[in-house]
Amino acid sequence: MLKGGTIMKEEHVVFLYVRGKKIKLTMKQYNLLTQTQPVNQGNKI
């Protein structure tokens, strides 16, 4: 889980909140993001 961010899962869409910005990702994009980047380095996407 990203530092300072919360994740809301709705159906197949993930809403990622980072520093007040709401980012909409599909599950495919989210899975790619979590696979390619270490989770503990999560303040920048």
Protein backbone atom coordinates (compact mmCIF):
# COMPACT_ATOMS: atom_id res chain seq x y z
CA MET A 1 0.00 0.00 0.00
CA LEU A 2 1.26 3.42 -0.88
CA LYS A 3 2.44 5.79 1.82
CA GLY A 4 -0.11 8.48 2.53
CA GLY A 5 -2.56 6.95 0.09
CA THR A 6 -5.66 4.84 0.47
CA ILE A 7 -7.06 2.38 -2.01
CA MET A 8 -10.75 1.95 -2.74
CA LYS A 9 -11.71 -0.99 -4.87
CA GLU A 10 -14.96 -0.73 -6.80
CA GLU A 11 -15.66 -3.61 -9.14
CA HIS A 12 -12.71 -3.75 -11.56
CA VAL A 13 -11.59 -0.17 -11.01
CA VAL A 14 -9.15 1.00 -8.38
CA PHE A 15 -9.30 4.56 -7.09
CA LEU A 16 -5.95 5.61 -5.73
CA TYR A 17 -5.71 8.69 -3.52
CA VAL A 18 -2.25 10.24 -3.41
CA ARG A 19 -1.83 13.59 -1.67
CA GLY A 20 -5.44 14.52 -2.29
CA LYS A 21 -5.42 13.56 -5.96
CA LYS A 22 -7.83 10.88 -7.08
CA ILE A 23 -6.34 8.57 -9.67
CA LYS A 24 -8.51 6.05 -11.47
CA LEU A 25 -6.87 2.81 -12.51
CA THR A 26 -8.21 -0.36 -14.02
CA MET A 27 -7.31 -3.58 -12.23
CA LYS A 28 -4.88 -4.39 -15.06
CA GLN A 29 -3.08 -1.06 -14.64
CA TYR A 30 -3.06 -1.46 -10.86
CA ASN A 31 -1.63 -4.96 -11.07
CA LEU A 32 1.09 -3.77 -13.43
CA LEU A 33 1.88 -0.90 -11.08
CA THR A 34 2.18 -3.14 -8.04
CA GLN A 35 4.21 -5.74 -9.92
CA THR A 36 6.72 -3.35 -11.47
CA GLN A 37 7.29 -1.05 -8.50
CA PRO A 38 8.21 -1.84 -4.90
CA VAL A 39 5.19 -1.11 -2.73
CA ASN A 40 7.23 0.63 -0.03
CA GLN A 41 8.48 3.28 -2.48
CA GLY A 42 5.04 4.57 -3.18
CA ASN A 43 5.04 8.37 -3.00
CA LYS A 44 5.54 8.80 -6.76
CA ILE A 45 3.82 6.97 -9.59
